[in-house]
PDB file of N, CA and C in Angstrom:
ATOM      1  N   MET A   1      10.503 -13.804 -14.519  1.00  0.00           N
ATOM      2  CA  MET A   1       9.084 -13.475 -14.581  1.00  0.00           C
ATOM      3  C   MET A   1       8.570 -12.883 -13.274  1.00  0.00           C
ATOM      4  N   THR A   2       9.190 -13.258 -12.187  1.00  0.00           N
ATOM      5  CA  THR A   2       8.721 -12.769 -10.890  1.00  0.00           C
ATOM      6  C   THR A   2       8.807 -11.254 -10.818  1.00  0.00           C
ATOM      7  N   LEU A   3       9.883 -10.679 -11.358  1.00  0.00           N
ATOM      8  CA  LEU A   3      10.011  -9.225 -11.342  1.00  0.00           C
ATOM      9  C   LEU A   3       8.899  -8.568 -12.155  1.00  0.00           C
ATOM     10  N   ILE A   4       8.577  -9.161 -13.280  1.00  0.00           N
ATOM     11  CA  ILE A   4       7.503  -8.615 -14.109  1.00  0.00           C
ATOM     12  C   ILE A   4       6.172  -8.730 -13.374  1.00  0.00           C
ATOM     13  N   ASN A   5       5.931  -9.878 -12.758  1.00  0.00           N
ATOM     14  CA  ASN A   5       4.680 -10.052 -12.004  1.00  0.00           C
ATOM     15  C   ASN A   5       4.584  -9.063 -10.852  1.00  0.00           C
ATOM     16  N   ASP A   6       5.699  -8.845 -10.158  1.00  0.00           N
ATOM     17  CA  ASP A   6       5.715  -7.866  -9.065  1.00  0.00           C
ATOM     18  C   ASP A   6       5.415  -6.465  -9.590  1.00  0.00           C
ATOM     19  N   ARG A   7       5.988  -6.139 -10.735  1.00  0.00           N
ATOM     20  CA  ARG A   7       5.754  -4.819 -11.340  1.00  0.00           C
ATOM     21  C   ARG A   7       4.281  -4.670 -11.723  1.00  0.00           C
ATOM     22  N   ILE A   8       3.687  -5.711 -12.273  1.00  0.00           N
ATOM     23  CA  ILE A   8       2.269  -5.670 -12.644  1.00  0.00           C
ATOM     24  C   ILE A   8       1.405  -5.445 -11.407  1.00  0.00           C
ATOM     25  N   ILE A   9       1.718  -6.134 -10.327  1.00  0.00           N
ATOM     26  CA  ILE A   9       0.953  -5.964  -9.080  1.00  0.00           C
ATOM     27  C   ILE A   9       1.056  -4.521  -8.594  1.00  0.00           C
ATOM     28  N   THR A  10       2.268  -3.975  -8.631  1.00  0.00           N
ATOM     29  CA  THR A  10       2.482  -2.587  -8.214  1.00  0.00           C
ATOM     30  C   THR A  10       1.700  -1.625  -9.105  1.00  0.00           C
ATOM     31  N   LEU A  11       1.743  -1.864 -10.401  1.00  0.00           N
ATOM     32  CA  LEU A  11       1.034  -0.992 -11.341  1.00  0.00           C
ATOM     33  C   LEU A  11      -0.479  -1.084 -11.166  1.00  0.00           C
ATOM     34  N   ARG A  12      -0.979  -2.277 -10.883  1.00  0.00           N
ATOM     35  CA  ARG A  12      -2.424  -2.416 -10.655  1.00  0.00           C
ATOM     36  C   ARG A  12      -2.860  -1.637  -9.419  1.00  0.00           C
ATOM     37  N   ALA A  13      -2.028  -1.640  -8.395  1.00  0.00           N
ATOM     38  CA  ALA A  13      -2.337  -0.862  -7.190  1.00  0.00           C
ATOM     39  C   ALA A  13      -2.321   0.632  -7.512  1.00  0.00           C
ATOM     40  N   LYS A  14      -1.342   1.048  -8.294  1.00  0.00           N
ATOM     41  CA  LYS A  14      -1.261   2.459  -8.695  1.00  0.00           C
ATOM     42  C   LYS A  14      -2.481   2.838  -9.530  1.00  0.00           C
ATOM     43  N   HIS A  15      -2.894   1.944 -10.425  1.00  0.00           N
ATOM     44  CA  HIS A  15      -4.069   2.164 -11.271  1.00  0.00           C
ATOM     45  C   HIS A  15      -5.314   2.345 -10.404  1.00  0.00           C
ATOM     46  N   ALA A  16      -5.459   1.505  -9.395  1.00  0.00           N
ATOM     47  CA  ALA A  16      -6.604   1.599  -8.483  1.00  0.00           C
ATOM     48  C   ALA A  16      -6.563   2.901  -7.690  1.00  0.00           C
ATOM     49  N   ASN A  17      -5.368   3.315  -7.260  1.00  0.00           N
ATOM     50  CA  ASN A  17      -5.236   4.573  -6.525  1.00  0.00           C
ATOM     51  C   ASN A  17      -5.602   5.769  -7.400  1.00  0.00           C
ATOM     52  N   LEU A  18      -5.183   5.732  -8.651  1.00  0.00           N
ATOM     53  CA  LEU A  18      -5.539   6.810  -9.575  1.00  0.00           C
ATOM     54  C   LEU A  18      -7.045   6.838  -9.817  1.00  0.00           C
ATOM     55  N   ASP A  19      -7.639   5.669  -9.943  1.00  0.00           N
ATOM     56  CA  ASP A  19      -9.087   5.571 -10.125  1.00  0.00           C
ATOM     57  C   ASP A  19      -9.822   6.195  -8.937  1.00  0.00           C
ATOM     58  N   GLU A  20      -9.337   5.910  -7.745  1.00  0.00           N
ATOM     59  CA  GLU A  20      -9.934   6.471  -6.534  1.00  0.00           C
ATOM     60  C   GLU A  20      -9.744   7.990  -6.492  1.00  0.00           C
ATOM     61  N   ALA A  21      -8.570   8.466  -6.875  1.00  0.00           N
ATOM     62  CA  ALA A  21      -8.315   9.910  -6.893  1.00  0.00           C
ATOM     63  C   ALA A  21      -9.240  10.614  -7.885  1.00  0.00           C
ATOM     64  N   ILE A  22      -9.488   9.986  -9.018  1.00  0.00           N
ATOM     65  CA  ILE A  22     -10.418  10.546 -10.010  1.00  0.00           C
ATOM     66  C   ILE A  22     -11.826  10.590  -9.430  1.00  0.00           C
ATOM     67  N   ARG A  23     -12.221   9.512  -8.765  1.00  0.00           N
ATOM     68  CA  ARG A  23     -13.553   9.458  -8.162  1.00  0.00           C
ATOM     69  C   ARG A  23     -13.724  10.550  -7.110  1.00  0.00           C
ATOM     70  N   VAL A  24     -12.720  10.715  -6.261  1.00  0.00           N
ATOM     71  CA  VAL A  24     -12.787  11.719  -5.194  1.00  0.00           C
ATOM     72  C   VAL A  24     -12.859  13.126  -5.785  1.00  0.00           C
ATOM     73  N   GLU A  25     -12.002  13.405  -6.754  1.00  0.00           N
ATOM     74  CA  GLU A  25     -12.001  14.742  -7.368  1.00  0.00           C
ATOM     75  C   GLU A  25     -13.322  15.007  -8.082  1.00  0.00           C
ATOM     76  N   SER A  26     -13.859  14.004  -8.747  1.00  0.00           N
ATOM     77  CA  SER A  26     -15.128  14.160  -9.468  1.00  0.00           C
ATOM     78  C   SER A  26     -16.295  14.406  -8.525  1.00  0.00           C
ATOM     79  N   ALA A  27     -16.198  13.901  -7.307  1.00  0.00           N
ATOM     80  CA  ALA A  27     -17.289  14.028  -6.334  1.00  0.00           C
ATOM     81  C   ALA A  27     -17.282  15.380  -5.621  1.00  0.00           C
ATOM     82  N   ARG A  28     -16.220  16.141  -5.776  1.00  0.00           N
ATOM     83  CA  ARG A  28     -16.153  17.449  -5.124  1.00  0.00           C
ATOM     84  C   ARG A  28     -17.224  18.372  -5.696  1.00  0.00           C
ATOM     85  N   PRO A  29     -17.685  19.351  -4.895  1.00  0.00           N
ATOM     86  CA  PRO A  29     -18.701  20.291  -5.392  1.00  0.00           C
ATOM     87  C   PRO A  29     -18.248  21.049  -6.648  1.00  0.00           C
ATOM     88  N   MET A  30     -16.970  21.408  -6.706  1.00  0.00           N
ATOM     89  CA  MET A  30     -16.425  22.080  -7.893  1.00  0.00           C
ATOM     90  C   MET A  30     -15.153  21.346  -8.320  1.00  0.00           C
ATOM     91  N   PRO A  31     -15.316  20.240  -9.025  1.00  0.00           N
ATOM     92  CA  PRO A  31     -14.141  19.447  -9.404  1.00  0.00           C
ATOM     93  C   PRO A  31     -13.218  20.225 -10.340  1.00  0.00           C
ATOM     94  N   ASP A  32     -11.933  19.967 -10.192  1.00  0.00           N
ATOM     95  CA  ASP A  32     -10.928  20.576 -11.059  1.00  0.00           C
ATOM     96  C   ASP A  32     -10.735  19.633 -12.254  1.00  0.00           C
ATOM     97  N   PHE A  33     -11.277  20.021 -13.390  1.00  0.00           N
ATOM     98  CA  PHE A  33     -11.259  19.142 -14.551  1.00  0.00           C
ATOM     99  C   PHE A  33      -9.859  18.982 -15.141  1.00  0.00           C
ATOM    100  N   PHE A  34      -8.985  19.960 -14.895  1.00  0.00           N
ATOM    101  CA  PHE A  34      -7.596  19.804 -15.320  1.00  0.00           C
ATOM    102  C   PHE A  34      -6.938  18.682 -14.522  1.00  0.00           C
ATOM    103  N   VAL A  35      -7.160  18.667 -13.224  1.00  0.00           N
ATOM    104  CA  VAL A  35      -6.613  17.609 -12.361  1.00  0.00           C
ATOM    105  C   VAL A  35      -7.166  16.254 -12.793  1.00  0.00           C
ATOM    106  N   ILE A  36      -8.458  16.192 -13.046  1.00  0.00           N
ATOM    107  CA  ILE A  36      -9.080  14.937 -13.486  1.00  0.00           C
ATOM    108  C   ILE A  36      -8.455  14.466 -14.798  1.00  0.00           C
ATOM    109  N   SER A  37      -8.250  15.395 -15.718  1.00  0.00           N
ATOM    110  CA  SER A  37      -7.646  15.055 -17.002  1.00  0.00           C
ATOM    111  C   SER A  37      -6.233  14.502 -16.826  1.00  0.00           C
ATOM    112  N   GLU A  38      -5.445  15.141 -15.974  1.00  0.00           N
ATOM    113  CA  GLU A  38      -4.079  14.669 -15.719  1.00  0.00           C
ATOM    114  C   GLU A  38      -4.082  13.287 -15.069  1.00  0.00           C
ATOM    115  N   LEU A  39      -4.983  13.076 -14.123  1.00  0.00           N
ATOM    116  CA  LEU A  39      -5.090  11.772 -13.468  1.00  0.00           C
ATOM    117  C   LEU A  39      -5.477  10.690 -14.479  1.00  0.00           C
ATOM    118  N   LYS A  40      -6.397  11.016 -15.376  1.00  0.00           N
ATOM    119  CA  LYS A  40      -6.817  10.046 -16.392  1.00  0.00           C
ATOM    120  C   LYS A  40      -5.675   9.705 -17.342  1.00  0.00           C
ATOM    121  N   LYS A  41      -4.858  10.702 -17.683  1.00  0.00           N
ATOM    122  CA  LYS A  41      -3.696  10.442 -18.542  1.00  0.00           C
ATOM    123  C   LYS A  41      -2.718   9.500 -17.849  1.00  0.00           C
ATOM    124  N   LYS A  42      -2.467   9.752 -16.564  1.00  0.00           N
ATOM    125  CA  LYS A  42      -1.567   8.881 -15.800  1.00  0.00           C
ATOM    126  C   LYS A  42      -2.135   7.471 -15.715  1.00  0.00           C
ATOM    127  N   LYS A  43      -3.442   7.379 -15.497  1.00  0.00           N
ATOM    128  CA  LYS A  43      -4.099   6.075 -15.392  1.00  0.00           C
ATOM    129  C   LYS A  43      -3.960   5.303 -16.710  1.00  0.00           C
ATOM    130  N   LEU A  44      -4.132   6.000 -17.828  1.00  0.00           N
ATOM    131  CA  LEU A  44      -3.996   5.355 -19.132  1.00  0.00           C
ATOM    132  C   LEU A  44      -2.562   4.877 -19.360  1.00  0.00           C
ATOM    133  N   THR A  45      -1.593   5.691 -18.971  1.00  0.00           N
ATOM    134  CA  THR A  45      -0.192   5.304 -19.107  1.00  0.00           C
ATOM    135  C   THR A  45       0.100   4.041 -18.302  1.00  0.00           C
ATOM    136  N   VAL A  46      -0.420   3.979 -17.091  1.00  0.00           N
ATOM    137  CA  VAL A  46      -0.232   2.800 -16.239  1.00  0.00           C
ATOM    138  C   VAL A  46      -0.891   1.585 -16.882  1.00  0.00           C
ATOM    139  N   LYS A  47      -2.092   1.769 -17.407  1.00  0.00           N
ATOM    140  CA  LYS A  47      -2.811   0.658 -18.044  1.00  0.00           C
ATOM    141  C   LYS A  47      -2.030   0.130 -19.252  1.00  0.00           C
ATOM    142  N   GLN A  48      -1.456   1.043 -20.027  1.00  0.00           N
ATOM    143  CA  GLN A  48      -0.674   0.625 -21.185  1.00  0.00           C
ATOM    144  C   GLN A  48       0.567  -0.158 -20.761  1.00  0.00           C
ATOM    145  N   GLU A  49       1.212   0.279 -19.694  1.00  0.00           N
ATOM    146  CA  GLU A  49       2.391  -0.443 -19.203  1.00  0.00           C
ATOM    147  C   GLU A  49       2.011  -1.836 -18.712  1.00  0.00           C
ATOM    148  N   ILE A  50       0.876  -1.933 -18.028  1.00  0.00           N
ATOM    149  CA  ILE A  50       0.391  -3.244 -17.579  1.00  0.00           C
ATOM    150  C   ILE A  50       0.172  -4.152 -18.787  1.00  0.00           C
ATOM    151  N   SER A  51      -0.470  -3.629 -19.816  1.00  0.00           N
ATOM    152  CA  SER A  51      -0.743  -4.421 -21.022  1.00  0.00           C
ATOM    153  C   SER A  51       0.545  -4.902 -21.682  1.00  0.00           C
ATOM    154  N   GLU A  52       1.538  -4.015 -21.757  1.00  0.00           N
ATOM    155  CA  GLU A  52       2.814  -4.393 -22.363  1.00  0.00           C
ATOM    156  C   GLU A  52       3.502  -5.504 -21.569  1.00  0.00           C
ATOM    157  N   LEU A  53       3.475  -5.385 -20.252  1.00  0.00           N
ATOM    158  CA  LEU A  53       4.106  -6.412 -19.415  1.00  0.00           C
ATOM    159  C   LEU A  53       3.364  -7.739 -19.511  1.00  0.00           C
ATOM    160  N   GLU A  54       2.039  -7.685 -19.545  1.00  0.00           N
ATOM    161  CA  GLU A  54       1.259  -8.919 -19.686  1.00  0.00           C
ATOM    162  C   GLU A  54       1.529  -9.578 -21.032  1.00  0.00           C
ATOM    163  N   LYS A  55       1.735  -8.766 -22.067  1.00  0.00           N
ATOM    164  CA  LYS A  55       2.059  -9.311 -23.383  1.00  0.00           C
ATOM    165  C   LYS A  55       3.420 -10.006 -23.347  1.00  0.00           C
ATOM    166  N   LYS A  56       4.389  -9.404 -22.657  1.00  0.00           N
ATOM    167  CA  LYS A  56       5.710 -10.038 -22.522  1.00  0.00           C
ATOM    168  C   LYS A  56       5.589 -11.404 -21.867  1.00  0.00           C
ATOM    169  N   ILE A  57       4.759 -11.478 -20.840  1.00  0.00           N
ATOM    170  CA  ILE A  57       4.572 -12.748 -20.137  1.00  0.00           C
ATOM    171  C   ILE A  57       3.946 -13.785 -21.064  1.00  0.00           C
ATOM    172  N   SER A  58       2.910 -13.378 -21.804  1.00  0.00           N
ATOM    173  CA  SER A  58       2.229 -14.340 -22.679  1.00  0.00           C
ATOM    174  C   SER A  58       3.123 -14.749 -23.850  1.00  0.00           C
ATOM    175  N   ASP A  59       3.961 -13.826 -24.340  1.00  0.00           N
ATOM    176  CA  ASP A  59       4.881 -14.165 -25.429  1.00  0.00           C
ATOM    177  C   ASP A  59       5.971 -15.127 -24.966  1.00  0.00           C
ATOM    178  N   ALA A  60       6.365 -15.010 -23.705  1.00  0.00           N
ATOM    179  CA  ALA A  60       7.420 -15.870 -23.161  1.00  0.00           C
ATOM    180  C   ALA A  60       6.905 -17.268 -22.826  1.00  0.00           C
ATOM    181  N   ALA A  61       5.597 -17.399 -22.684  1.00  0.00           N
ATOM    182  CA  ALA A  61       5.015 -18.694 -22.290  1.00  0.00           C
ATOM    183  C   ALA A  61       4.918 -19.652 -23.453  1.00  0.00           C
TER     184      ALA A  61
END
């Protein structure tokens, strides 16, 4: 379980970094909406992986 917990912590940090990157790009005078869209897709993928890992933990308990 420790490896899964470590992976979740890493993914949460990545999720937060993506959130910050989206915020920064959105705040630009002329934001690149393609970049924002790609960042949001990556963020969703990370969120889904976190959910899957959390489900594994709860199923194992």
